[in-house]
Amino acid sequence: MATNKIDRIDREIAKTREKLAEYQNKLRELEAQKTEAENLQIVQLVRAVRMTPQELNALLSGGGIPGVGTPAPDAQEKEENHDEI
């Protein structure tokens, strides 16, 4: 009787390991699909703004886009600077 119970548990363990392997493979495939979709979206966004490779490199390195001025300070900053004078 105990052997039947052990055999049943062994079969359940084997079945669970198979399912686990299937789910791990599926997870890897889904993660790869997600990465590919994200990469495609990035490429499309870069192409949409028509950046040159040099501009993209400057933007990614934190230097901003060459030829584009820095944004003007907002009104609150102007008021604070005016009060200090």
N, C-alpha and C. Protein backbone atom coordinates (compact mmCIF):
# COMPACT_ATOMS: atom_id res chain seq x y z
N MET A 1 0.81 -1.19 0.00
CA MET A 1 0.00 0.00 0.00
C MET A 1 0.86 1.26 0.00
N ALA A 2 1.90 1.29 0.82
CA ALA A 2 2.78 2.45 0.89
C ALA A 2 3.52 2.64 -0.42
N THR A 3 3.85 1.52 -1.09
CA THR A 3 4.55 1.62 -2.37
C THR A 3 3.67 2.26 -3.43
N ASN A 4 2.38 1.95 -3.44
CA ASN A 4 1.46 2.57 -4.39
C ASN A 4 1.39 4.07 -4.18
N LYS A 5 1.37 4.48 -2.93
CA LYS A 5 1.32 5.91 -2.62
C LYS A 5 2.60 6.60 -3.07
N ILE A 6 3.75 5.94 -2.83
CA ILE A 6 5.03 6.50 -3.25
C ILE A 6 5.11 6.58 -4.77
N ASP A 7 4.64 5.54 -5.45
CA ASP A 7 4.64 5.55 -6.92
C ASP A 7 3.76 6.67 -7.46
N ARG A 8 2.61 6.85 -6.85
CA ARG A 8 1.70 7.91 -7.29
C ARG A 8 2.34 9.28 -7.09
N ILE A 9 3.01 9.46 -5.95
CA ILE A 9 3.69 10.73 -5.68
C ILE A 9 4.83 10.94 -6.67
N ASP A 10 5.59 9.88 -6.98
CA ASP A 10 6.68 9.98 -7.96
C ASP A 10 6.16 10.39 -9.33
N ARG A 11 5.03 9.82 -9.73
CA ARG A 11 4.44 10.18 -11.02
C ARG A 11 4.01 11.65 -11.01
N GLU A 12 3.43 12.09 -9.90
CA GLU A 12 3.00 13.49 -9.78
C GLU A 12 4.21 14.43 -9.83
N ILE A 13 5.30 14.04 -9.19
CA ILE A 13 6.53 14.84 -9.22
C ILE A 13 7.05 14.95 -10.65
N ALA A 14 7.08 13.84 -11.36
CA ALA A 14 7.56 13.84 -12.75
C ALA A 14 6.68 14.72 -13.63
N LYS A 15 5.38 14.61 -13.45
CA LYS A 15 4.45 15.42 -14.23
C LYS A 15 4.66 16.91 -13.93
N THR A 16 4.85 17.24 -12.67
CA THR A 16 5.05 18.63 -12.27
C THR A 16 6.35 19.17 -12.84
N ARG A 17 7.40 18.35 -12.83
CA ARG A 17 8.68 18.79 -13.41
C ARG A 17 8.55 19.06 -14.91
N GLU A 18 7.79 18.22 -15.60
CA GLU A 18 7.57 18.44 -17.04
C GLU A 18 6.85 19.76 -17.28
N LYS A 19 5.80 20.00 -16.51
CA LYS A 19 5.04 21.24 -16.66
C LYS A 19 5.93 22.44 -16.35
N LEU A 20 6.75 22.31 -15.30
CA LEU A 20 7.65 23.39 -14.92
C LEU A 20 8.62 23.71 -16.06
N ALA A 21 9.17 22.69 -16.68
CA ALA A 21 10.08 22.89 -17.81
C ALA A 21 9.35 23.57 -18.98
N GLU A 22 8.12 23.16 -19.25
CA GLU A 22 7.33 23.78 -20.31
C GLU A 22 7.10 25.27 -20.02
N TYR A 23 6.73 25.57 -18.78
CA TYR A 23 6.47 26.96 -18.41
C TYR A 23 7.74 27.81 -18.45
N GLN A 24 8.87 27.23 -18.07
CA GLN A 24 10.13 27.98 -18.14
C GLN A 24 10.49 28.30 -19.59
N ASN A 25 10.29 27.33 -20.48
CA ASN A 25 10.55 27.58 -21.91
C ASN A 25 9.61 28.65 -22.45
N LYS A 26 8.34 28.55 -22.07
CA LYS A 26 7.36 29.54 -22.53
C LYS A 26 7.73 30.92 -22.01
N LEU A 27 8.16 31.01 -20.75
CA LEU A 27 8.56 32.28 -20.17
C LEU A 27 9.74 32.88 -20.93
N ARG A 28 10.74 32.06 -21.25
CA ARG A 28 11.90 32.56 -22.01
C ARG A 28 11.47 33.08 -23.38
N GLU A 29 10.58 32.35 -24.04
CA GLU A 29 10.08 32.79 -25.35
C GLU A 29 9.33 34.12 -25.25
N LEU A 30 8.48 34.25 -24.25
CA LEU A 30 7.72 35.49 -24.07
C LEU A 30 8.63 36.66 -23.74
N GLU A 31 9.65 36.43 -22.92
CA GLU A 31 10.59 37.50 -22.60
C GLU A 31 11.36 37.94 -23.83
N ALA A 32 11.73 36.99 -24.69
CA ALA A 32 12.43 37.32 -25.93
C ALA A 32 11.51 38.12 -26.86
N GLN A 33 10.25 37.73 -26.94
CA GLN A 33 9.28 38.47 -27.77
C GLN A 33 9.11 39.89 -27.26
N LYS A 34 9.04 40.04 -25.94
CA LYS A 34 8.89 41.37 -25.34
C LYS A 34 10.09 42.25 -25.66
N THR A 35 11.29 41.70 -25.51
CA THR A 35 12.51 42.45 -25.81
C THR A 35 12.53 42.87 -27.27
N GLU A 36 12.17 41.97 -28.16
CA GLU A 36 12.13 42.29 -29.59
C GLU A 36 11.11 43.40 -29.88
N ALA A 37 9.95 43.33 -29.26
CA ALA A 37 8.92 44.36 -29.46
C ALA A 37 9.39 45.71 -28.92
N GLU A 38 10.06 45.70 -27.77
CA GLU A 38 10.59 46.96 -27.21
C GLU A 38 11.65 47.55 -28.12
N ASN A 39 12.54 46.70 -28.64
CA ASN A 39 13.57 47.18 -29.55
C ASN A 39 12.97 47.77 -30.82
N LEU A 40 11.96 47.13 -31.34
CA LEU A 40 11.29 47.63 -32.53
C LEU A 40 10.64 48.99 -32.25
N GLN A 41 10.01 49.11 -31.08
CA GLN A 41 9.38 50.38 -30.71
C GLN A 41 10.42 51.49 -30.59
N ILE A 42 11.57 51.19 -30.02
CA ILE A 42 12.64 52.19 -29.90
C ILE A 42 13.11 52.64 -31.27
N VAL A 43 13.33 51.69 -32.16
CA VAL A 43 13.78 52.02 -33.51
C VAL A 43 12.75 52.90 -34.21
N GLN A 44 11.47 52.56 -34.07
CA GLN A 44 10.41 53.34 -34.71
C GLN A 44 10.37 54.76 -34.15
N LEU A 45 10.54 54.91 -32.83
CA LEU A 45 10.53 56.25 -32.23
C LEU A 45 11.70 57.09 -32.71
N VAL A 46 12.87 56.48 -32.80
CA VAL A 46 14.06 57.21 -33.27
C VAL A 46 13.87 57.62 -34.72
N ARG A 47 13.34 56.73 -35.53
CA ARG A 47 13.11 57.06 -36.94
C ARG A 47 12.04 58.15 -37.08
N ALA A 48 11.05 58.14 -36.19
CA ALA A 48 9.97 59.12 -36.28
C ALA A 48 10.48 60.54 -36.03
N VAL A 49 11.48 60.69 -35.18
CA VAL A 49 12.01 62.04 -34.91
C VAL A 49 13.17 62.38 -35.85
N ARG A 50 13.49 61.45 -36.73
CA ARG A 50 14.51 61.66 -37.77
C ARG A 50 15.83 62.16 -37.19
N MET A 51 16.31 61.48 -36.19
CA MET A 51 17.60 61.83 -35.58
C MET A 51 18.73 61.19 -36.37
N THR A 52 19.84 61.91 -36.46
CA THR A 52 21.03 61.33 -37.05
C THR A 52 21.68 60.44 -36.00
N PRO A 53 22.53 59.54 -36.41
CA PRO A 53 23.22 58.70 -35.43
C PRO A 53 24.01 59.52 -34.41
N GLN A 54 24.58 60.63 -34.85
CA GLN A 54 25.34 61.48 -33.94
C GLN A 54 24.42 62.13 -32.90
N GLU A 55 23.24 62.59 -33.33
CA GLU A 55 22.28 63.19 -32.40
C GLU A 55 21.79 62.16 -31.39
N LEU A 56 21.52 60.96 -31.85
CA LEU A 56 21.07 59.89 -30.96
C LEU A 56 22.15 59.56 -29.94
N ASN A 57 23.38 59.47 -30.40
CA ASN A 57 24.50 59.19 -29.50
C ASN A 57 24.64 60.29 -28.46
N ALA A 58 24.52 61.55 -28.87
CA ALA A 58 24.61 62.67 -27.93
C ALA A 58 23.47 62.63 -26.92
N LEU A 59 22.29 62.32 -27.38
CA LEU A 59 21.14 62.25 -26.48
C LEU A 59 21.31 61.14 -25.45
N LEU A 60 21.75 59.98 -25.91
CA LEU A 60 21.92 58.84 -25.01
C LEU A 60 23.07 59.04 -24.03
N SER A 61 24.07 59.81 -24.42
CA SER A 61 25.20 60.04 -23.51
C SER A 61 24.91 61.18 -22.55
N GLY A 62 23.73 61.78 -22.65
CA GLY A 62 23.32 62.80 -21.70
C GLY A 62 23.68 64.21 -22.12
N GLY A 63 24.17 64.36 -23.31
CA GLY A 63 24.58 65.68 -23.77
C GLY A 63 23.46 66.47 -24.41
N GLY A 64 22.29 65.93 -24.54
CA GLY A 64 21.20 66.62 -25.22
C GLY A 64 21.36 66.48 -26.72
N ILE A 65 20.51 67.14 -27.44
CA ILE A 65 20.55 67.07 -28.89
C ILE A 65 21.30 68.29 -29.40
N PRO A 66 22.36 68.09 -30.18
CA PRO A 66 23.11 69.23 -30.71
C PRO A 66 22.22 70.14 -31.54
N GLY A 67 22.38 71.43 -31.36
CA GLY A 67 21.61 72.40 -32.13
C GLY A 67 20.27 72.74 -31.51
N VAL A 68 19.89 72.05 -30.46
CA VAL A 68 18.63 72.33 -29.79
C VAL A 68 18.98 73.02 -28.48
N GLY A 69 18.41 74.22 -28.27
CA GLY A 69 18.70 74.98 -27.07
C GLY A 69 18.14 74.34 -25.82
N THR A 70 18.63 74.79 -24.69
CA THR A 70 18.10 74.28 -23.43
C THR A 70 16.76 74.95 -23.17
N PRO A 71 15.85 74.27 -22.52
CA PRO A 71 14.53 74.85 -22.25
C PRO A 71 14.65 76.06 -21.31
N ALA A 72 13.78 77.03 -21.54
CA ALA A 72 13.77 78.23 -20.70
C ALA A 72 13.25 77.87 -19.32
N PRO A 73 13.76 78.55 -18.28
CA PRO A 73 13.25 78.27 -16.94
C PRO A 73 11.79 78.67 -16.85
N ASP A 74 11.05 77.98 -16.00
CA ASP A 74 9.63 78.28 -15.88
C ASP A 74 9.42 79.58 -15.09
N ALA A 75 8.22 80.04 -15.06
CA ALA A 75 7.91 81.35 -14.47
C ALA A 75 8.26 81.39 -12.99
N GLN A 76 8.07 80.31 -12.27
CA GLN A 76 8.36 80.31 -10.84
C GLN A 76 9.86 80.53 -10.60
N GLU A 77 10.71 79.92 -11.40
CA GLU A 77 12.14 80.12 -11.24
C GLU A 77 12.51 81.56 -11.54
N LYS A 78 11.87 82.17 -12.54
CA LYS A 78 12.14 83.56 -12.87
C LYS A 78 11.78 84.46 -11.70
N GLU A 79 10.64 84.20 -11.06
CA GLU A 79 10.22 85.01 -9.92
C GLU A 79 11.19 84.86 -8.76
N GLU A 80 11.65 83.64 -8.49
CA GLU A 80 12.58 83.42 -7.41
C GLU A 80 13.88 84.16 -7.67
N ASN A 81 14.37 84.12 -8.91
CA ASN A 81 15.60 84.81 -9.25
C ASN A 81 15.40 86.34 -9.13
N HIS A 82 14.24 86.84 -9.48
CA HIS A 82 13.96 88.27 -9.41
C HIS A 82 13.93 88.74 -7.96
N ASP A 83 13.38 87.93 -7.05
CA ASP A 83 13.31 88.29 -5.64
C ASP A 83 14.69 88.36 -5.01
N GLU A 84 15.62 87.57 -5.49
CA GLU A 84 16.96 87.54 -4.92
C GLU A 84 17.77 88.78 -5.28
N ILE A 85 17.41 89.48 -6.33
CA ILE A 85 18.18 90.64 -6.81
C ILE A 85 17.98 91.83 -5.98
